Amino acid sequence: MMKPYPTYRQREILQFLMSGNWVSILRLIPVGETLLANLVQAGWIERSSDMKTRDLYRITEAGRTAFKTPVPISYKKATDTGRAAGE
């Protein structure tokens, strides 16, 4: 199951596609097929269904929402082993 927010690499691709226009896979080659497949599976991007333009991708509304979702930041609490003796 994917997280409700994109990873750094996923967010980078979503930002690249934010114009909403169809973008050729040739411009996305550094991304890799697995990352593209994960984004399509999550519903954050879609692939053109026309056989002539099968190498085109664009962001979906779900992708726009995911892109805007803040990444949670967690802070570790101090542990007993990290405290000075006598505290």
C-alpha atoms as a PDB file:
ATOM      1  CA  MET A   1       0.000   0.000   0.000  1.00  0.00           C
ATOM      2  CA  MET A   2       1.319   3.411  -0.926  1.00  0.00           C
ATOM      3  CA  LYS A   3       1.510   6.280   1.499  1.00  0.00           C
ATOM      4  CA  PRO A   4      -0.949   9.175   1.036  1.00  0.00           C
ATOM      5  CA  TYR A   5       1.985  11.440   0.228  1.00  0.00           C
ATOM      6  CA  PRO A   6       4.657  11.008  -2.453  1.00  0.00           C
ATOM      7  CA  THR A   7       8.318  10.270  -1.832  1.00  0.00           C
ATOM      8  CA  TYR A   8      10.923  12.815  -2.901  1.00  0.00           C
ATOM      9  CA  ARG A   9      11.356  11.195  -6.347  1.00  0.00           C
ATOM     10  CA  GLN A  10       7.606  10.815  -6.844  1.00  0.00           C
ATOM     11  CA  ARG A  11       7.050  14.444  -5.833  1.00  0.00           C
ATOM     12  CA  GLU A  12       9.731  15.493  -8.327  1.00  0.00           C
ATOM     13  CA  ILE A  13       7.857  13.784 -11.175  1.00  0.00           C
ATOM     14  CA  LEU A  14       4.486  15.155 -10.071  1.00  0.00           C
ATOM     15  CA  GLN A  15       5.959  18.658 -10.008  1.00  0.00           C
ATOM     16  CA  PHE A  16       7.320  18.116 -13.514  1.00  0.00           C
ATOM     17  CA  LEU A  17       3.803  17.181 -14.687  1.00  0.00           C
ATOM     18  CA  MET A  18       1.929  19.971 -12.834  1.00  0.00           C
ATOM     19  CA  SER A  19       1.245  21.879 -16.063  1.00  0.00           C
ATOM     20  CA  GLY A  20      -1.407  19.251 -16.813  1.00  0.00           C
ATOM     21  CA  ASN A  21      -0.200  18.785 -20.381  1.00  0.00           C
ATOM     22  CA  TRP A  22       0.709  15.399 -21.814  1.00  0.00           C
ATOM     23  CA  VAL A  23       4.474  14.808 -21.491  1.00  0.00           C
ATOM     24  CA  SER A  24       6.489  12.326 -23.541  1.00  0.00           C
ATOM     25  CA  ILE A  25       8.195   9.451 -21.722  1.00  0.00           C
ATOM     26  CA  LEU A  26      11.367  10.483 -23.565  1.00  0.00           C
ATOM     27  CA  ARG A  27      11.527  13.473 -21.227  1.00  0.00           C
ATOM     28  CA  LEU A  28      10.956  11.182 -18.220  1.00  0.00           C
ATOM     29  CA  ILE A  29      13.546   8.482 -19.026  1.00  0.00           C
ATOM     30  CA  PRO A  30      15.679   9.223 -15.922  1.00  0.00           C
ATOM     31  CA  VAL A  31      12.588   8.347 -13.875  1.00  0.00           C
ATOM     32  CA  GLY A  32      12.433   4.679 -14.831  1.00  0.00           C
ATOM     33  CA  GLU A  33       9.582   2.357 -15.666  1.00  0.00           C
ATOM     34  CA  THR A  34       9.050   1.113 -12.103  1.00  0.00           C
ATOM     35  CA  LEU A  35       8.545   4.601 -10.685  1.00  0.00           C
ATOM     36  CA  LEU A  36       6.162   5.496 -13.513  1.00  0.00           C
ATOM     37  CA  ALA A  37       4.232   2.252 -12.960  1.00  0.00           C
ATOM     38  CA  ASN A  38       3.937   3.004  -9.221  1.00  0.00           C
ATOM     39  CA  LEU A  39       2.618   6.507  -9.938  1.00  0.00           C
ATOM     40  CA  VAL A  40       0.073   5.135 -12.425  1.00  0.00           C
ATOM     41  CA  GLN A  41      -0.989   2.410  -9.959  1.00  0.00           C
ATOM     42  CA  ALA A  42      -1.487   5.023  -7.245  1.00  0.00           C
ATOM     43  CA  GLY A  43      -3.676   7.015  -9.640  1.00  0.00           C
ATOM     44  CA  TRP A  44      -1.421  10.064  -9.394  1.00  0.00           C
ATOM     45  CA  ILE A  45      -0.571  10.087 -13.116  1.00  0.00           C
ATOM     46  CA  GLU A  46      -2.228   8.604 -16.161  1.00  0.00           C
ATOM     47  CA  ARG A  47      -0.879   7.181 -19.371  1.00  0.00           C
ATOM     48  CA  SER A  48      -2.438   8.026 -22.724  1.00  0.00           C
ATOM     49  CA  SER A  49      -4.744   5.249 -23.911  1.00  0.00           C
ATOM     50  CA  ASP A  50      -4.277   6.106 -27.607  1.00  0.00           C
ATOM     51  CA  MET A  51      -1.842   3.682 -29.242  1.00  0.00           C
ATOM     52  CA  LYS A  52      -0.237   6.515 -31.241  1.00  0.00           C
ATOM     53  CA  THR A  53       0.499   8.526 -28.092  1.00  0.00           C
ATOM     54  CA  ARG A  54       1.058   5.638 -25.641  1.00  0.00           C
ATOM     55  CA  ASP A  55       4.318   7.211 -24.404  1.00  0.00           C
ATOM     56  CA  LEU A  56       2.563  10.311 -22.989  1.00  0.00           C
ATOM     57  CA  TYR A  57       1.785  10.892 -19.302  1.00  0.00           C
ATOM     58  CA  ARG A  58      -0.027  13.598 -17.328  1.00  0.00           C
ATOM     59  CA  ILE A  59      -0.913  14.281 -13.693  1.00  0.00           C
ATOM     60  CA  THR A  60      -4.388  13.494 -12.329  1.00  0.00           C
ATOM     61  CA  GLU A  61      -6.399  15.405  -9.733  1.00  0.00           C
ATOM     62  CA  ALA A  62      -5.410  12.727  -7.203  1.00  0.00           C
ATOM     63  CA  GLY A  63      -1.782  13.445  -8.122  1.00  0.00           C
ATOM     64  CA  ARG A  64      -2.276  17.165  -7.532  1.00  0.00           C
ATOM     65  CA  THR A  65      -3.771  16.403  -4.132  1.00  0.00           C
ATOM     66  CA  ALA A  66      -0.919  14.029  -3.245  1.00  0.00           C
ATOM     67  CA  PHE A  67       1.640  16.625  -4.353  1.00  0.00           C
ATOM     68  CA  LYS A  68       0.108  19.183  -1.981  1.00  0.00           C
ATOM     69  CA  THR A  69      -0.025  16.721   0.943  1.00  0.00           C
ATOM     70  CA  PRO A  70       2.654  17.604   3.497  1.00  0.00           C
ATOM     71  CA  VAL A  71       5.194  14.934   4.384  1.00  0.00           C
ATOM     72  CA  PRO A  72       4.980  14.135   8.110  1.00  0.00           C
ATOM     73  CA  ILE A  73       8.085  14.808  10.140  1.00  0.00           C
ATOM     74  CA  SER A  74       8.803  12.681  13.173  1.00  0.00           C
ATOM     75  CA  TYR A  75      11.163  13.568  15.961  1.00  0.00           C
ATOM     76  CA  LYS A  76      12.724  10.956  18.216  1.00  0.00           C
ATOM     77  CA  LYS A  77      12.252  11.467  21.914  1.00  0.00           C
ATOM     78  CA  ALA A  78      15.260  11.389  24.207  1.00  0.00           C
ATOM     79  CA  THR A  79      15.885   7.911  25.538  1.00  0.00           C
ATOM     80  CA  ASP A  80      17.223   6.884  28.887  1.00  0.00           C
ATOM     81  CA  THR A  81      20.501   5.770  27.303  1.00  0.00           C
ATOM     82  CA  GLY A  82      21.008   9.215  25.803  1.00  0.00           C
ATOM     83  CA  ARG A  83      20.611  11.113  29.078  1.00  0.00           C
ATOM     84  CA  ALA A  84      23.458  12.044  31.357  1.00  0.00           C
ATOM     85  CA  ALA A  85      23.802  10.123  34.641  1.00  0.00           C
ATOM     86  CA  GLY A  86      21.987  11.673  37.570  1.00  0.00           C
ATOM     87  CA  GLU A  87      19.215  13.370  35.558  1.00  0.00           C
END
